Amino acid sequence: MGSSSTTCLQLILGLLLALGTVAPRVEARAFFVFGDSLVDSGNNNYLVTTARADSPPYGIDYPTHRPTGRFSNGLNIPDIISQHIGSEPTLPYLSPQLTGQRLLVGANFASAGIGILNDTGVQFVNIIRIPLQLDYFRQYQQRVSTLIGAQQTKRLVNQALVLITLGGNDFVNNYFLVPYSARSRQYSLPNYVRYLISEYRKILMRLYELGARRVLVTGTGPLGCVPAELGMRSRNGQCVPVLQQASTLFNPQLTQMLNGLNRKIGSDVFIATNTQLMHSDFISNPQAYGFVTSKIACCGQGPYNGIGLCTPLSNLCPNRDLYAFWDPFHPSEKANKIIVQQIMTGSTEYMHPMNLSTILALDSKA
């Protein structure tokens, strides 16, 4: 065989290999994200609001080492899920770069500060509350229809993976924000939780009406254990009981409501993601996960670095991988990776009725 035909063969082999590595990207399903700062990838950068993460040291461990609007030292939960499903990260819906083919990857509609209720996060002024996130999703589908037609758009949305993260702010930035808040005067905690669940149900039904067929619904983390609450309310570093009670009431009722919705629809559309348990694992035993602490935020000030915002003037830990919390409220990139690992492969205790690996395997056969 002459050298030119060898070169030709190498080229063909190279091309085939290249196609092999590119193919999954084409096959990758679209991914849509709704919710609050735990999953916001930068929408709030485009808004006049105080709920933003667009200045250092946010993004210090992101590939660009610059702030992106993610409330993380690096990647957030949606970014890591995108990696697992073989997709590029979804862009914020408000990003001017979200056009053309990039729309087919999906979109992130999340906005820091929002909750299930429209009066949650009023102090942040201009944020994308959930009715507007859902309206943007409808608008997104119209935009995609002009690219690939209505039928293909419907298929893209039906086959997509959806992540929604709501509820934490309804407690910390509403009910418990100030003593005797309007909502705490209106409802006892158990009744407030029931009200939140009934409102959340309407949001999820609307998402279903808009075409979502595989939706990961996260519960709240252990709200009383985050550095912000330890800094403000804790005695001797113990998790704050009343906030823990809120999580303990909310999360099982959320799972119950999702089971009811799935029964009504006749399909496992909504997947209960037990983020309270996922967080509790490394909060109760940080050393087992390679953390030196789960009480002190890497970036912040005051007790437990839990007071105020993370800014260039804050204390900053040199190694973010040793901290479960990046700032007073948000997990570090390493903690986010542990959470996503449970989303991918966790038992039914963590992911009910099934984990994301099972979903991907089932849907690939469909």
Protein backbone atom coordinates (compact mmCIF):
# COMPACT_ATOMS: atom_id res chain seq x y z
CA MET A 1 0.00 0.00 0.00
CA GLY A 2 1.47 3.35 -1.07
CA SER A 3 2.03 6.17 1.40
CA SER A 4 -0.74 8.25 -0.21
CA SER A 5 -3.33 5.49 0.28
CA THR A 6 -2.12 5.03 3.87
CA THR A 7 -2.61 8.76 4.41
CA CYS A 8 -6.03 8.50 2.79
CA LEU A 9 -6.96 5.62 5.10
CA GLN A 10 -5.73 7.55 8.12
CA LEU A 11 -7.83 10.52 7.03
CA ILE A 12 -10.94 8.34 6.65
CA LEU A 13 -10.29 6.72 10.05
CA GLY A 14 -9.72 10.14 11.55
CA LEU A 15 -12.97 11.37 10.06
CA LEU A 16 -14.88 8.35 11.35
CA LEU A 17 -13.42 8.84 14.81
CA ALA A 18 -14.27 12.52 14.69
CA LEU A 19 -17.82 11.70 13.62
CA GLY A 20 -18.05 9.18 16.43
CA THR A 21 -17.18 11.83 18.97
CA VAL A 22 -19.45 14.43 17.41
CA ALA A 23 -22.48 12.16 16.95
CA PRO A 24 -23.59 12.13 20.62
CA ARG A 25 -23.66 15.94 20.62
CA VAL A 26 -26.16 15.89 17.78
CA GLU A 27 -28.15 13.22 19.61
CA ALA A 28 -27.98 15.06 22.96
CA ARG A 29 -31.43 16.00 24.17
CA ALA A 30 -32.40 19.60 24.84
CA PHE A 31 -32.21 20.75 28.46
CA PHE A 32 -34.39 23.41 30.10
CA VAL A 33 -33.81 24.93 33.53
CA PHE A 34 -36.26 26.87 35.72
CA GLY A 35 -35.90 28.20 39.23
CA ASP A 36 -33.74 30.31 41.52
CA SER A 37 -30.08 31.15 42.24
CA LEU A 38 -29.09 27.50 42.75
CA VAL A 39 -29.57 27.02 39.00
CA ASP A 40 -29.38 30.56 37.51
CA SER A 41 -26.59 30.65 34.91
CA GLY A 42 -26.57 34.41 34.43
CA ASN A 43 -30.04 35.74 33.58
CA ASN A 44 -29.85 38.25 36.40
CA ASN A 45 -26.75 39.81 34.80
CA TYR A 46 -29.19 41.34 32.29
CA LEU A 47 -31.53 42.78 34.94
CA VAL A 48 -31.46 45.73 37.31
CA THR A 49 -31.38 43.73 40.54
CA THR A 50 -29.25 43.25 43.64
CA ALA A 51 -29.51 39.43 43.26
CA ARG A 52 -26.46 38.95 41.07
CA ALA A 53 -23.17 37.09 40.95
CA ASP A 54 -21.34 39.04 38.28
CA SER A 55 -18.32 40.25 40.22
CA PRO A 56 -15.24 38.42 41.57
CA PRO A 57 -14.58 36.15 43.33
CA TYR A 58 -17.64 34.42 41.76
CA GLY A 59 -16.41 32.22 38.90
CA ILE A 60 -12.88 31.96 40.29
CA ASP A 61 -12.77 28.25 39.35
CA TYR A 62 -14.94 28.51 36.22
CA PRO A 63 -12.96 27.61 33.04
CA THR A 64 -12.60 31.34 32.22
CA HIS A 65 -11.84 32.21 35.90
CA ARG A 66 -14.33 35.06 35.55
CA PRO A 67 -17.76 35.69 37.07
CA THR A 68 -20.58 34.45 34.85
CA GLY A 69 -23.66 35.19 36.96
CA ARG A 70 -23.59 31.68 38.43
CA PHE A 71 -23.79 31.63 42.22
CA SER A 72 -20.79 29.34 42.42
CA ASN A 73 -17.00 29.36 42.45
CA GLY A 74 -17.23 27.34 39.22
CA LEU A 75 -19.85 25.13 37.60
CA ASN A 76 -23.39 24.94 38.92
CA ILE A 77 -25.78 21.97 38.95
CA PRO A 78 -27.20 22.54 35.42
CA ASP A 79 -23.65 22.76 33.96
CA ILE A 80 -22.70 19.42 35.50
CA ILE A 81 -25.95 17.75 34.36
CA SER A 82 -25.24 19.06 30.82
CA GLN A 83 -21.84 17.35 30.92
CA HIS A 84 -23.46 14.07 31.99
CA ILE A 85 -26.04 14.15 29.19
CA GLY A 86 -23.38 15.00 26.60
CA SER A 87 -24.62 18.50 25.92
CA GLU A 88 -23.02 21.93 25.97
CA PRO A 89 -24.18 24.16 28.87
CA THR A 90 -27.50 25.88 28.27
CA LEU A 91 -27.27 29.62 27.87
CA PRO A 92 -29.35 32.04 29.97
CA TYR A 93 -32.54 32.89 28.09
CA LEU A 94 -31.72 36.61 28.22
CA SER A 95 -28.26 36.08 26.68
CA PRO A 96 -27.90 37.76 23.27
CA GLN A 97 -25.88 34.68 22.19
CA LEU A 98 -28.94 32.42 22.47
CA THR A 99 -29.85 32.40 18.78
CA GLY A 100 -29.91 30.05 15.79
CA GLN A 101 -28.63 26.51 16.37
CA ARG A 102 -27.75 27.29 19.99
CA LEU A 103 -31.48 27.46 20.76
CA LEU A 104 -31.72 23.73 20.01
CA VAL A 105 -29.47 22.91 23.00
CA GLY A 106 -32.17 24.31 25.31
CA ALA A 107 -32.25 27.35 27.57
CA ASN A 108 -31.89 28.38 31.19
CA PHE A 109 -34.78 30.55 32.43
CA ALA A 110 -33.77 30.60 36.12
CA SER A 111 -33.43 33.83 38.06
CA ALA A 112 -31.83 34.33 41.48
CA GLY A 113 -34.18 35.42 44.25
CA ILE A 114 -37.46 33.99 42.96
CA GLY A 115 -39.78 31.53 44.64
CA ILE A 116 -42.98 29.60 44.17
CA LEU A 117 -44.90 32.70 45.28
CA ASN A 118 -44.79 36.01 43.43
CA ASP A 119 -44.20 37.99 46.63
CA THR A 120 -41.02 36.03 47.37
CA GLY A 121 -37.90 38.08 46.64
CA VAL A 122 -39.68 41.46 46.32
CA GLN A 123 -36.59 43.02 47.93
CA PHE A 124 -34.57 42.09 44.81
CA VAL A 125 -36.93 44.19 42.65
CA ASN A 126 -36.44 43.14 39.03
CA ILE A 127 -36.20 39.31 38.83
CA ILE A 128 -37.82 36.77 36.48
CA ARG A 129 -40.65 35.38 38.57
CA ILE A 130 -41.95 31.95 37.67
CA PRO A 131 -44.98 33.06 35.57
CA LEU A 132 -42.55 35.05 33.38
CA GLN A 133 -40.08 32.12 33.20
CA LEU A 134 -42.93 29.96 31.89
CA ASP A 135 -43.98 32.69 29.47
CA TYR A 136 -40.40 32.89 28.19
CA PHE A 137 -40.53 29.10 27.67
CA ARG A 138 -43.62 29.56 25.49
CA GLN A 139 -41.85 32.39 23.63
CA TYR A 140 -38.75 30.18 23.22
CA GLN A 141 -40.89 27.51 21.52
CA GLN A 142 -42.24 30.09 19.07
CA ARG A 143 -38.67 31.14 18.23
CA VAL A 144 -37.58 27.52 17.68
CA SER A 145 -40.67 26.87 15.49
CA THR A 146 -39.42 29.45 13.01
CA LEU A 147 -36.15 27.47 12.81
CA ILE A 148 -37.33 23.85 12.64
CA GLY A 149 -41.14 23.99 12.35
CA ALA A 150 -43.88 23.39 14.91
CA GLN A 151 -43.82 19.56 14.78
CA GLN A 152 -40.07 19.28 15.34
CA THR A 153 -40.25 21.88 18.11
CA LYS A 154 -42.93 19.89 19.90
CA ARG A 155 -40.75 16.79 19.61
CA LEU A 156 -37.66 18.66 20.88
CA VAL A 157 -39.57 19.89 23.95
CA ASN A 158 -41.31 16.56 24.66
CA GLN A 159 -37.97 14.72 24.54
CA ALA A 160 -36.08 17.32 26.55
CA LEU A 161 -34.85 17.04 30.10
CA VAL A 162 -36.18 19.72 32.47
CA LEU A 163 -34.83 20.80 35.87
CA ILE A 164 -36.82 23.00 38.25
CA THR A 165 -35.54 24.27 41.62
CA LEU A 166 -37.92 26.32 43.76
CA GLY A 167 -38.97 26.68 47.38
CA GLY A 168 -35.92 27.69 49.43
CA ASN A 169 -36.48 31.42 48.90
CA ASP A 170 -40.15 31.10 49.92
CA PHE A 171 -38.82 30.32 53.39
CA VAL A 172 -35.57 32.31 53.75
CA ASN A 173 -36.57 35.34 51.65
CA ASN A 174 -40.23 35.47 52.57
CA TYR A 175 -41.67 33.61 55.58
CA PHE A 176 -38.55 33.88 57.80
CA LEU A 177 -37.05 37.02 56.23
CA VAL A 178 -38.05 39.26 59.11
CA PRO A 179 -39.74 38.47 62.43
CA TYR A 180 -43.53 38.62 62.04
CA SER A 181 -43.33 38.75 58.24
CA ALA A 182 -46.65 39.21 56.40
CA ARG A 183 -46.73 35.52 55.41
CA SER A 184 -45.90 34.28 58.93
CA ARG A 185 -48.76 36.38 60.32
CA GLN A 186 -51.07 34.99 57.65
CA TYR A 187 -50.12 31.29 57.97
CA SER A 188 -48.75 28.91 60.57
CA LEU A 189 -45.70 27.07 59.17
CA PRO A 190 -47.60 23.80 58.41
CA ASN A 191 -50.36 25.75 56.61
CA TYR A 192 -47.80 27.83 54.70
CA VAL A 193 -46.13 24.63 53.48
CA ARG A 194 -49.50 23.29 52.30
CA TYR A 195 -50.15 26.58 50.49
CA LEU A 196 -46.71 26.45 48.80
CA ILE A 197 -47.30 22.85 47.66
CA SER A 198 -50.71 23.72 46.15
CA GLU A 199 -49.17 26.70 44.28
CA TYR A 200 -46.21 24.60 43.12
CA ARG A 201 -48.62 22.01 41.74
CA LYS A 202 -50.15 24.67 39.45
CA ILE A 203 -46.68 25.66 38.19
CA LEU A 204 -45.80 22.04 37.38
CA MET A 205 -49.10 21.46 35.59
CA ARG A 206 -48.41 24.56 33.48
CA LEU A 207 -44.95 23.16 32.66
CA TYR A 208 -46.60 19.92 31.57
CA GLU A 209 -49.10 21.84 29.40
CA LEU A 210 -46.12 23.56 27.76
CA GLY A 211 -44.75 20.17 26.71
CA ALA A 212 -42.34 19.11 29.49
CA ARG A 213 -42.35 15.31 29.85
CA ARG A 214 -39.26 14.57 32.00
CA VAL A 215 -38.91 16.99 34.90
CA LEU A 216 -36.42 16.73 37.76
CA VAL A 217 -38.02 18.57 40.69
CA THR A 218 -35.60 19.34 43.52
CA GLY A 219 -36.71 19.79 47.10
CA THR A 220 -35.11 22.33 49.38
CA GLY A 221 -31.76 21.63 51.02
CA PRO A 222 -31.48 21.56 54.84
CA LEU A 223 -32.32 25.27 55.11
CA GLY A 224 -31.29 25.63 58.77
CA CYS A 225 -27.74 24.40 58.12
CA VAL A 226 -26.51 26.92 55.52
CA PRO A 227 -23.78 29.32 56.73
CA ALA A 228 -26.14 32.33 56.32
CA GLU A 229 -28.61 30.89 58.84
CA LEU A 230 -25.84 29.67 61.17
CA GLY A 231 -24.34 33.17 61.09
CA MET A 232 -27.64 34.89 61.87
CA ARG A 233 -29.57 32.51 64.10
CA SER A 234 -27.51 29.57 65.29
CA ARG A 235 -26.45 28.83 68.82
CA ASN A 236 -23.04 27.11 68.86
CA GLY A 237 -23.12 26.07 65.20
CA GLN A 238 -26.16 23.81 65.39
CA CYS A 239 -28.59 23.84 62.45
CA VAL A 240 -31.50 26.22 63.13
CA PRO A 241 -34.50 24.08 64.25
CA VAL A 242 -37.36 26.17 62.82
CA LEU A 243 -35.79 26.28 59.34
CA GLN A 244 -35.02 22.58 59.52
CA GLN A 245 -38.66 22.02 60.38
CA ALA A 246 -39.65 23.93 57.23
CA SER A 247 -37.52 21.60 55.03
CA THR A 248 -38.77 18.52 56.86
CA LEU A 249 -42.40 19.52 56.30
CA PHE A 250 -41.96 20.70 52.70
CA ASN A 251 -39.92 17.93 51.07
CA PRO A 252 -42.09 14.85 51.85
CA GLN A 253 -45.23 16.76 50.83
CA LEU A 254 -43.52 17.75 47.57
CA THR A 255 -42.75 14.08 46.79
CA GLN A 256 -46.34 13.14 47.64
CA MET A 257 -47.69 15.85 45.34
CA LEU A 258 -45.40 14.71 42.48
CA ASN A 259 -46.55 11.10 42.90
CA GLY A 260 -50.15 12.33 42.69
CA LEU A 261 -49.43 14.29 39.50
CA ASN A 262 -47.73 11.27 37.90
CA ARG A 263 -50.75 9.10 38.75
CA LYS A 264 -53.09 11.70 37.27
CA ILE A 265 -51.03 11.95 34.06
CA GLY A 266 -50.43 8.18 33.94
CA SER A 267 -46.68 8.52 33.40
CA ASP A 268 -43.50 9.25 35.40
CA VAL A 269 -43.16 12.85 34.24
CA PHE A 270 -42.03 14.35 37.56
CA ILE A 271 -38.98 12.97 39.36
CA ALA A 272 -38.61 13.86 43.05
CA THR A 273 -35.01 14.84 43.70
CA ASN A 274 -34.24 14.62 47.41
CA THR A 275 -31.72 17.44 47.68
CA GLN A 276 -32.32 17.64 51.43
CA LEU A 277 -30.83 14.17 51.86
CA MET A 278 -28.07 14.82 49.30
CA HIS A 279 -26.95 17.91 51.25
CA SER A 280 -27.46 16.28 54.65
CA ASP A 281 -24.95 13.56 53.74
CA PHE A 282 -22.04 15.96 53.45
CA ILE A 283 -23.33 18.41 56.06
CA SER A 284 -23.47 15.73 58.75
CA ASN A 285 -20.18 14.09 57.71
CA PRO A 286 -18.09 16.56 55.66
CA GLN A 287 -14.83 14.64 56.13
CA ALA A 288 -16.26 11.56 54.37
CA TYR A 289 -16.60 13.71 51.24
CA GLY A 290 -13.20 15.39 51.52
CA PHE A 291 -14.47 18.66 53.03
CA VAL A 292 -12.83 20.26 56.08
CA THR A 293 -16.09 22.00 57.00
CA SER A 294 -19.76 22.22 56.06
CA LYS A 295 -20.49 25.11 58.44
CA ILE A 296 -18.17 27.87 57.19
CA ALA A 297 -18.64 29.38 53.73
CA CYS A 298 -15.52 29.74 51.62
CA CYS A 299 -16.42 33.35 50.74
CA GLY A 300 -18.10 35.75 53.14
CA GLN A 301 -17.63 37.54 56.44
CA GLY A 302 -18.85 37.42 60.03
CA PRO A 303 -19.64 34.21 61.92
CA TYR A 304 -19.25 31.15 59.64
CA ASN A 305 -18.57 33.64 56.79
CA GLY A 306 -22.35 33.66 56.69
CA ILE A 307 -23.18 37.36 56.86
CA GLY A 308 -23.80 39.57 53.83
CA LEU A 309 -22.68 38.88 50.29
CA CYS A 310 -19.56 37.34 48.81
CA THR A 311 -17.58 40.29 47.39
CA PRO A 312 -13.94 41.12 46.51
CA LEU A 313 -13.59 42.35 50.12
CA SER A 314 -14.80 39.09 51.70
CA ASN A 315 -12.68 36.42 53.35
CA LEU A 316 -11.83 33.86 50.66
CA CYS A 317 -10.57 30.34 51.27
CA PRO A 318 -7.54 29.28 49.18
CA ASN A 319 -8.94 25.81 48.28
CA ARG A 320 -12.63 25.75 47.38
CA ASP A 321 -12.69 21.94 47.17
CA LEU A 322 -12.33 21.73 50.95
CA TYR A 323 -15.58 23.64 51.57
CA ALA A 324 -19.12 22.31 51.17
CA PHE A 325 -20.44 25.88 50.85
CA TRP A 326 -19.04 28.46 48.48
CA ASP A 327 -20.95 31.49 49.82
CA PRO A 328 -23.50 31.89 52.66
CA PHE A 329 -26.26 30.09 50.70
CA HIS A 330 -24.80 28.14 47.77
CA PRO A 331 -22.84 24.88 47.56
CA SER A 332 -19.30 24.85 46.14
CA GLU A 333 -18.63 23.34 42.71
CA LYS A 334 -17.34 20.19 44.41
CA ALA A 335 -20.56 19.88 46.46
CA ASN A 336 -22.58 20.43 43.26
CA LYS A 337 -20.70 17.51 41.65
CA ILE A 338 -21.59 15.26 44.59
CA ILE A 339 -25.26 16.29 44.29
CA VAL A 340 -25.31 15.59 40.53
CA GLN A 341 -23.67 12.20 41.09
CA GLN A 342 -26.67 11.28 43.28
CA ILE A 343 -29.06 12.67 40.65
CA MET A 344 -27.36 10.38 38.11
CA THR A 345 -27.02 7.17 40.09
CA GLY A 346 -28.74 7.61 43.48
CA SER A 347 -31.11 5.03 44.97
CA THR A 348 -34.88 5.65 45.15
CA GLU A 349 -34.28 7.27 48.53
CA TYR A 350 -32.56 10.10 46.63
CA MET A 351 -34.36 9.94 43.27
CA HIS A 352 -37.98 8.82 43.16
CA PRO A 353 -39.18 6.90 41.16
CA MET A 354 -35.81 6.64 39.35
CA ASN A 355 -32.44 8.31 38.85
CA LEU A 356 -31.29 10.18 35.77
CA SER A 357 -29.15 7.30 34.41
CA THR A 358 -32.28 5.10 34.39
CA ILE A 359 -34.29 7.86 32.68
CA LEU A 360 -31.61 8.27 29.98
CA ALA A 361 -31.48 4.49 29.41
CA LEU A 362 -35.30 4.21 29.21
CA ASP A 363 -35.69 7.21 26.91
CA SER A 364 -32.97 6.05 24.54
CA LYS A 365 -35.04 2.90 23.89
CA ALA A 366 -38.28 4.83 23.37
